[in-house]
């Protein structure tokens, strides 16, 4: 019996040791076989996410381009740089920038048209001067070819008498038609007198009448 009891005690100790060993082993994580078979799957972006990201980038790019465009307009248009006391120191809104840009473009169109009209007038003046230059060159050439032709020219006294007769005739109509009571009446009467008494046909008749008078005095 004593031997039987000793063997039973040893068997119980071995059994409890095996039980504790198996329990401890089950609580320890795998480090060899299981780790070699585990692979973490990388994150794959879906097609929907890709389209959303591309749309966001395109929208941001569009907004940046619009912002740059408004900034360029404010830098180019002079009126956008001036201080607007109606809005104080606030930043100009997009609507104000666009309106100021439109106003400035209209101003440039008017200035361009005005400059084109001035250029056209200057071209006409240049053409008239060229014609006068040709005429004077012909007169000088004719005088050089016939140096004795000028000896029979009208005297300065006769020219003064013609000029005096024309001016006297015009002054008589001017004195009878123009009122000098006030500057306003003078301005109105002067324009009216010019329209009535300085017509080409009227001036022609005056000159012819004066020439006939001077001719009768000379001969």
C-alpha atoms as a PDB file:
ATOM      1  CA  UNK A   1       0.000   0.000   0.000  1.00  0.00           C
ATOM      2  CA  UNK A   2       2.751   2.433   0.725  1.00  0.00           C
ATOM      3  CA  UNK A   3       4.232   1.873  -2.731  1.00  0.00           C
ATOM      4  CA  UNK A   4       0.853   2.280  -4.323  1.00  0.00           C
ATOM      5  CA  UNK A   5       0.297   5.584  -2.511  1.00  0.00           C
ATOM      6  CA  UNK A   6       3.717   6.901  -3.592  1.00  0.00           C
ATOM      7  CA  UNK A   7       3.075   6.101  -7.253  1.00  0.00           C
ATOM      8  CA  UNK A   8      -0.373   7.700  -7.100  1.00  0.00           C
ATOM      9  CA  UNK A   9       1.143  10.865  -5.618  1.00  0.00           C
ATOM     10  CA  UNK A  10       3.811  11.050  -8.353  1.00  0.00           C
ATOM     11  CA  UNK A  11       1.194  10.467 -11.067  1.00  0.00           C
ATOM     12  CA  UNK A  12      -0.934  13.321  -9.713  1.00  0.00           C
ATOM     13  CA  UNK A  13       2.036  15.676  -9.722  1.00  0.00           C
ATOM     14  CA  UNK A  14       2.942  14.798 -13.332  1.00  0.00           C
ATOM     15  CA  UNK A  15      -0.677  15.205 -14.431  1.00  0.00           C
ATOM     16  CA  UNK A  16      -0.933  18.646 -12.854  1.00  0.00           C
ATOM     17  CA  UNK A  17       2.368  19.671 -14.425  1.00  0.00           C
ATOM     18  CA  UNK A  18       1.187  18.614 -17.867  1.00  0.00           C
ATOM     19  CA  UNK A  19      -2.068  20.475 -17.361  1.00  0.00           C
ATOM     20  CA  UNK A  20      -0.256  23.674 -16.350  1.00  0.00           C
ATOM     21  CA  UNK A  21       2.154  23.355 -19.280  1.00  0.00           C
ATOM     22  CA  UNK A  22      -0.617  22.920 -21.830  1.00  0.00           C
ATOM     23  CA  UNK A  23      -2.506  25.903 -20.416  1.00  0.00           C
ATOM     24  CA  UNK A  24       0.576  28.167 -20.525  1.00  0.00           C
ATOM     25  CA  UNK A  25       1.412  27.068 -24.048  1.00  0.00           C
ATOM     26  CA  UNK A  26      -2.066  27.893 -25.272  1.00  0.00           C
ATOM     27  CA  UNK A  27      -1.794  31.469 -23.877  1.00  0.00           C
ATOM     28  CA  UNK A  28       1.500  32.247 -25.702  1.00  0.00           C
ATOM     29  CA  UNK A  29       1.058  33.663 -29.296  1.00  0.00           C
ATOM     30  CA  UNK A  30       2.495  31.851 -32.257  1.00  0.00           C
ATOM     31  CA  UNK A  31       5.836  33.216 -33.396  1.00  0.00           C
ATOM     32  CA  UNK A  32       7.054  30.814 -36.045  1.00  0.00           C
ATOM     33  CA  UNK A  33       4.529  28.968 -38.139  1.00  0.00           C
ATOM     34  CA  UNK A  34       1.593  31.340 -37.839  1.00  0.00           C
ATOM     35  CA  UNK A  35       3.712  34.489 -38.427  1.00  0.00           C
ATOM     36  CA  UNK A  36       5.163  33.000 -41.558  1.00  0.00           C
ATOM     37  CA  UNK A  37       1.660  32.504 -43.011  1.00  0.00           C
ATOM     38  CA  UNK A  38       0.262  36.059 -42.101  1.00  0.00           C
ATOM     39  CA  UNK A  39       0.474  38.904 -44.703  1.00  0.00           C
ATOM     40  CA  UNK A  40      -1.145  42.382 -44.189  1.00  0.00           C
ATOM     41  CA  UNK A  41      -3.194  43.382 -47.256  1.00  0.00           C
ATOM     42  CA  UNK A  42      -2.294  46.952 -48.584  1.00  0.00           C
ATOM     43  CA  UNK A  43      -5.127  49.555 -48.849  1.00  0.00           C
ATOM     44  CA  UNK A  44      -6.519  49.711 -52.358  1.00  0.00           C
ATOM     45  CA  UNK A  45      -8.201  52.994 -53.421  1.00  0.00           C
ATOM     46  CA  UNK A  46     -11.515  52.352 -55.102  1.00  0.00           C
ATOM     47  CA  UNK A  47     -12.459  53.786 -58.497  1.00  0.00           C
ATOM     48  CA  UNK A  48     -15.051  55.999 -56.827  1.00  0.00           C
ATOM     49  CA  UNK A  49     -12.441  57.410 -54.447  1.00  0.00           C
ATOM     50  CA  UNK A  50     -10.082  58.051 -57.348  1.00  0.00           C
ATOM     51  CA  UNK A  51     -12.749  59.993 -59.239  1.00  0.00           C
ATOM     52  CA  UNK A  52     -13.642  61.982 -56.131  1.00  0.00           C
ATOM     53  CA  UNK A  53      -9.995  62.874 -55.542  1.00  0.00           C
ATOM     54  CA  UNK A  54      -9.488  63.871 -59.211  1.00  0.00           C
ATOM     55  CA  UNK A  55     -12.640  66.017 -59.127  1.00  0.00           C
ATOM     56  CA  UNK A  56     -11.467  67.750 -55.947  1.00  0.00           C
ATOM     57  CA  UNK A  57      -8.073  68.502 -57.482  1.00  0.00           C
ATOM     58  CA  UNK A  58      -9.655  69.827 -60.692  1.00  0.00           C
ATOM     59  CA  UNK A  59     -12.070  72.026 -58.738  1.00  0.00           C
ATOM     60  CA  UNK A  60      -9.236  73.435 -56.623  1.00  0.00           C
ATOM     61  CA  UNK A  61      -7.210  74.121 -59.766  1.00  0.00           C
ATOM     62  CA  UNK A  62     -10.181  75.939 -61.329  1.00  0.00           C
ATOM     63  CA  UNK A  63     -10.689  78.080 -58.222  1.00  0.00           C
ATOM     64  CA  UNK A  64      -6.998  78.947 -58.106  1.00  0.00           C
ATOM     65  CA  UNK A  65      -7.121  80.020 -61.766  1.00  0.00           C
ATOM     66  CA  UNK A  66     -10.176  82.234 -61.141  1.00  0.00           C
ATOM     67  CA  UNK A  67      -8.534  83.805 -58.093  1.00  0.00           C
ATOM     68  CA  UNK A  68      -5.365  84.497 -60.076  1.00  0.00           C
ATOM     69  CA  UNK A  69      -7.452  86.063 -62.857  1.00  0.00           C
ATOM     70  CA  UNK A  70      -9.174  88.469 -60.460  1.00  0.00           C
ATOM     71  CA  UNK A  71      -5.835  89.345 -58.871  1.00  0.00           C
ATOM     72  CA  UNK A  72      -4.372  90.088 -62.320  1.00  0.00           C
ATOM     73  CA  UNK A  73      -7.367  92.312 -63.155  1.00  0.00           C
ATOM     74  CA  UNK A  74      -6.909  94.289 -59.954  1.00  0.00           C
ATOM     75  CA  UNK A  75      -3.235  94.753 -60.793  1.00  0.00           C
ATOM     76  CA  UNK A  76      -3.910  95.823 -64.407  1.00  0.00           C
ATOM     77  CA  UNK A  77      -6.991  98.047 -64.063  1.00  0.00           C
ATOM     78  CA  UNK A  78      -5.911 101.426 -62.581  1.00  0.00           C
ATOM     79  CA  UNK A  79      -9.311 102.140 -60.997  1.00  0.00           C
ATOM     80  CA  UNK A  80      -9.072  98.944 -58.928  1.00  0.00           C
ATOM     81  CA  UNK A  81      -5.915 100.245 -57.295  1.00  0.00           C
ATOM     82  CA  UNK A  82      -7.480 103.544 -56.232  1.00  0.00           C
ATOM     83  CA  UNK A  83      -8.968 103.879 -52.759  1.00  0.00           C
ATOM     84  CA  UNK A  84     -12.741 103.600 -52.841  1.00  0.00           C
ATOM     85  CA  UNK A  85     -14.080 105.549 -49.852  1.00  0.00           C
ATOM     86  CA  UNK A  86     -17.531 103.997 -50.232  1.00  0.00           C
ATOM     87  CA  UNK A  87     -16.201 100.576 -49.187  1.00  0.00           C
ATOM     88  CA  UNK A  88     -13.385 101.786 -46.941  1.00  0.00           C
ATOM     89  CA  UNK A  89     -10.442  99.443 -46.578  1.00  0.00           C
ATOM     90  CA  UNK A  90     -12.426  96.308 -47.395  1.00  0.00           C
ATOM     91  CA  UNK A  91     -11.253  93.992 -50.141  1.00  0.00           C
ATOM     92  CA  UNK A  92     -12.883  94.566 -53.511  1.00  0.00           C
ATOM     93  CA  UNK A  93     -15.529  92.003 -54.322  1.00  0.00           C
ATOM     94  CA  UNK A  94     -15.526  90.109 -57.597  1.00  0.00           C
ATOM     95  CA  UNK A  95     -18.583  92.040 -58.807  1.00  0.00           C
ATOM     96  CA  UNK A  96     -16.839  95.392 -58.210  1.00  0.00           C
ATOM     97  CA  UNK A  97     -13.666  94.185 -59.941  1.00  0.00           C
ATOM     98  CA  UNK A  98     -15.651  93.089 -62.997  1.00  0.00           C
ATOM     99  CA  UNK A  99     -17.618  96.363 -63.144  1.00  0.00           C
ATOM    100  CA  UNK A 100     -14.475  98.478 -62.845  1.00  0.00           C
ATOM    101  CA  UNK A 101     -12.858  96.361 -65.556  1.00  0.00           C
ATOM    102  CA  UNK A 102     -15.844  96.910 -67.872  1.00  0.00           C
ATOM    103  CA  UNK A 103     -15.772 100.662 -67.218  1.00  0.00           C
ATOM    104  CA  UNK A 104     -12.044 100.806 -67.930  1.00  0.00           C
ATOM    105  CA  UNK A 105     -12.415  98.867 -71.196  1.00  0.00           C
ATOM    106  CA  UNK A 106     -15.180 101.241 -72.323  1.00  0.00           C
ATOM    107  CA  UNK A 107     -12.938 104.184 -71.445  1.00  0.00           C
ATOM    108  CA  UNK A 108     -10.112 102.687 -73.517  1.00  0.00           C
ATOM    109  CA  UNK A 109     -12.478 102.211 -76.482  1.00  0.00           C
ATOM    110  CA  UNK A 110     -13.484 105.896 -76.311  1.00  0.00           C
ATOM    111  CA  UNK A 111      -9.872 106.997 -76.057  1.00  0.00           C
ATOM    112  CA  UNK A 112      -8.947 104.778 -79.012  1.00  0.00           C
ATOM    113  CA  UNK A 113     -11.736 106.278 -81.110  1.00  0.00           C
ATOM    114  CA  UNK A 114     -10.683 109.791 -80.126  1.00  0.00           C
ATOM    115  CA  UNK A 115      -7.068 109.088 -81.057  1.00  0.00           C
ATOM    116  CA  UNK A 116      -8.124 107.594 -84.397  1.00  0.00           C
ATOM    117  CA  UNK A 117     -10.082 110.785 -85.168  1.00  0.00           C
ATOM    118  CA  UNK A 118      -7.060 112.908 -84.233  1.00  0.00           C
ATOM    119  CA  UNK A 119      -4.806 110.776 -86.440  1.00  0.00           C
ATOM    120  CA  UNK A 120      -7.275 111.163 -89.327  1.00  0.00           C
ATOM    121  CA  UNK A 121      -7.304 114.955 -88.866  1.00  0.00           C
ATOM    122  CA  UNK A 122      -3.503 115.083 -88.777  1.00  0.00           C
ATOM    123  CA  UNK A 123      -3.301 113.026 -91.964  1.00  0.00           C
ATOM    124  CA  UNK A 124      -5.612 115.494 -93.707  1.00  0.00           C
ATOM    125  CA  UNK A 125      -3.470 118.381 -92.470  1.00  0.00           C
ATOM    126  CA  UNK A 126      -0.339 116.658 -93.764  1.00  0.00           C
ATOM    127  CA  UNK A 127      -1.983 116.112 -97.140  1.00  0.00           C
ATOM    128  CA  UNK A 128      -3.047 119.773 -97.308  1.00  0.00           C
ATOM    129  CA  UNK A 129       0.487 120.899 -96.418  1.00  0.00           C
ATOM    130  CA  UNK A 130       1.937 118.675 -99.120  1.00  0.00           C
ATOM    131  CA  UNK A 131      -0.422 120.232-101.667  1.00  0.00           C
ATOM    132  CA  UNK A 132       0.538 123.728-100.513  1.00  0.00           C
ATOM    133  CA  UNK A 133       4.209 122.768-100.733  1.00  0.00           C
ATOM    134  CA  UNK A 134       3.776 121.636-104.333  1.00  0.00           C
ATOM    135  CA  UNK A 135       1.936 124.855-105.213  1.00  0.00           C
ATOM    136  CA  UNK A 136       4.618 127.053-103.670  1.00  0.00           C
ATOM    137  CA  UNK A 137       7.331 125.086-105.414  1.00  0.00           C
ATOM    138  CA  UNK A 138       5.560 125.719-108.712  1.00  0.00           C
ATOM    139  CA  UNK A 139       5.266 129.436-107.928  1.00  0.00           C
ATOM    140  CA  UNK A 140       8.985 129.633-107.067  1.00  0.00           C
ATOM    141  CA  UNK A 141       9.910 127.741-110.222  1.00  0.00           C
ATOM    142  CA  UNK A 142       7.724 130.005-112.350  1.00  0.00           C
ATOM    143  CA  UNK A 143       9.317 133.078-110.805  1.00  0.00           C
ATOM    144  CA  UNK A 144      12.797 131.703-111.449  1.00  0.00           C
ATOM    145  CA  UNK A 145      11.932 130.966-115.096  1.00  0.00           C
ATOM    146  CA  UNK A 146      10.462 134.507-115.585  1.00  0.00           C
ATOM    147  CA  UNK A 147      12.319 136.872-113.249  1.00  0.00           C
ATOM    148  CA  UNK A 148      10.831 140.026-114.913  1.00  0.00           C
ATOM    149  CA  UNK A 149       7.242 138.959-114.362  1.00  0.00           C
ATOM    150  CA  UNK A 150       7.088 140.442-110.896  1.00  0.00           C
ATOM    151  CA  UNK A 151       7.787 143.981-112.009  1.00  0.00           C
ATOM    152  CA  UNK A 152       4.144 144.585-112.962  1.00  0.00           C
ATOM    153  CA  UNK A 153       2.742 143.365-109.644  1.00  0.00           C
ATOM    154  CA  UNK A 154       0.169 145.400-107.715  1.00  0.00           C
ATOM    155  CA  UNK A 155       1.610 147.806-105.172  1.00  0.00           C
ATOM    156  CA  UNK A 156       1.207 147.407-101.430  1.00  0.00           C
ATOM    157  CA  UNK A 157      -1.040 150.468-101.327  1.00  0.00           C
ATOM    158  CA  UNK A 158      -3.501 148.939-103.756  1.00  0.00           C
ATOM    159  CA  UNK A 159      -3.524 145.672-101.790  1.00  0.00           C
ATOM    160  CA  UNK A 160      -4.201 147.633 -98.597  1.00  0.00           C
ATOM    161  CA  UNK A 161      -7.074 149.481-100.254  1.00  0.00           C
ATOM    162  CA  UNK A 162      -8.642 146.172-101.312  1.00  0.00           C
ATOM    163  CA  UNK A 163      -8.236 144.750 -97.818  1.00  0.00           C
ATOM    164  CA  UNK A 164      -9.633 147.938 -96.246  1.00  0.00           C
ATOM    165  CA  UNK A 165     -12.659 147.902 -98.543  1.00  0.00           C
ATOM    166  CA  UNK A 166     -13.461 144.266 -97.668  1.00  0.00           C
ATOM    167  CA  UNK A 167     -13.059 144.866 -93.928  1.00  0.00           C
ATOM    168  CA  UNK A 168     -15.149 148.057 -94.029  1.00  0.00           C
ATOM    169  CA  UNK A 169     -17.989 146.226 -95.728  1.00  0.00           C
ATOM    170  CA  UNK A 170     -17.865 143.388 -93.222  1.00  0.00           C
ATOM    171  CA  UNK A 171     -17.634 145.786 -90.283  1.00  0.00           C
ATOM    172  CA  UNK A 172     -20.722 147.652 -91.390  1.00  0.00           C
ATOM    173  CA  UNK A 173     -22.809 144.469 -91.400  1.00  0.00           C
ATOM    174  CA  UNK A 174     -21.158 143.365 -88.147  1.00  0.00           C
ATOM    175  CA  UNK A 175     -21.926 146.657 -86.415  1.00  0.00           C
ATOM    176  CA  UNK A 176     -25.540 146.544 -87.584  1.00  0.00           C
ATOM    177  CA  UNK A 177     -26.161 142.928 -86.563  1.00  0.00           C
ATOM    178  CA  UNK A 178     -24.102 142.290 -83.412  1.00  0.00           C
ATOM    179  CA  UNK A 179     -25.093 143.569 -79.971  1.00  0.00           C
ATOM    180  CA  UNK A 180     -22.419 144.271 -77.382  1.00  0.00           C
ATOM    181  CA  UNK A 181     -24.719 144.755 -74.386  1.00  0.00           C
ATOM    182  CA  UNK A 182     -23.443 141.593 -72.700  1.00  0.00           C
ATOM    183  CA  UNK A 183     -21.012 138.847 -73.479  1.00  0.00           C
ATOM    184  CA  UNK A 184     -23.863 136.362 -73.830  1.00  0.00           C
ATOM    185  CA  UNK A 185     -25.592 138.511 -76.461  1.00  0.00           C
ATOM    186  CA  UNK A 186     -22.273 139.155 -78.186  1.00  0.00           C
ATOM    187  CA  UNK A 187     -21.559 135.423 -78.458  1.00  0.00           C
ATOM    188  CA  UNK A 188     -25.031 134.658 -79.802  1.00  0.00           C
ATOM    189  CA  UNK A 189     -24.961 137.539 -82.304  1.00  0.00           C
ATOM    190  CA  UNK A 190     -21.467 136.725 -83.559  1.00  0.00           C
ATOM    191  CA  UNK A 191     -22.419 133.172 -84.513  1.00  0.00           C
ATOM    192  CA  UNK A 192     -25.587 134.390 -86.158  1.00  0.00           C
ATOM    193  CA  UNK A 193     -23.658 137.058 -88.105  1.00  0.00           C
ATOM    194  CA  UNK A 194     -21.057 134.517 -89.263  1.00  0.00           C
ATOM    195  CA  UNK A 195     -23.766 132.177 -90.526  1.00  0.00           C
ATOM    196  CA  UNK A 196     -25.538 134.966 -92.429  1.00  0.00           C
ATOM    197  CA  UNK A 197     -22.819 137.374 -93.619  1.00  0.00           C
ATOM    198  CA  UNK A 198     -19.805 135.091 -94.054  1.00  0.00           C
ATOM    199  CA  UNK A 199     -21.244 132.704 -96.586  1.00  0.00           C
ATOM    200  CA  UNK A 200     -18.974 132.006 -99.572  1.00  0.00           C
ATOM    201  CA  UNK A 201     -21.367 133.660-102.033  1.00  0.00           C
ATOM    202  CA  UNK A 202     -21.769 136.757 -99.807  1.00  0.00           C
ATOM    203  CA  UNK A 203     -18.008 137.155 -99.380  1.00  0.00           C
ATOM    204  CA  UNK A 204     -17.508 136.677-103.105  1.00  0.00           C
ATOM    205  CA  UNK A 205     -19.955 139.509-103.858  1.00  0.00           C
ATOM    206  CA  UNK A 206     -18.189 141.778-101.348  1.00  0.00           C
ATOM    207  CA  UNK A 207     -14.762 141.113-102.868  1.00  0.00           C
ATOM    208  CA  UNK A 208     -16.002 141.678-106.427  1.00  0.00           C
ATOM    209  CA  UNK A 209     -17.635 144.968-105.424  1.00  0.00           C
ATOM    210  CA  UNK A 210     -14.483 146.214-103.688  1.00  0.00           C
ATOM    211  CA  UNK A 211     -12.272 145.216-106.644  1.00  0.00           C
ATOM    212  CA  UNK A 212     -14.502 147.103-109.055  1.00  0.00           C
ATOM    213  CA  UNK A 213     -14.337 150.151-106.808  1.00  0.00           C
ATOM    214  CA  UNK A 214     -10.530 150.056-106.557  1.00  0.00           C
ATOM    215  CA  UNK A 215     -10.167 149.493-110.300  1.00  0.00           C
ATOM    216  CA  UNK A 216     -12.317 152.541-111.050  1.00  0.00           C
ATOM    217  CA  UNK A 217     -10.136 154.640-108.761  1.00  0.00           C
ATOM    218  CA  UNK A 218      -6.943 153.488-110.496  1.00  0.00           C
ATOM    219  CA  UNK A 219      -8.111 153.880-114.070  1.00  0.00           C
END
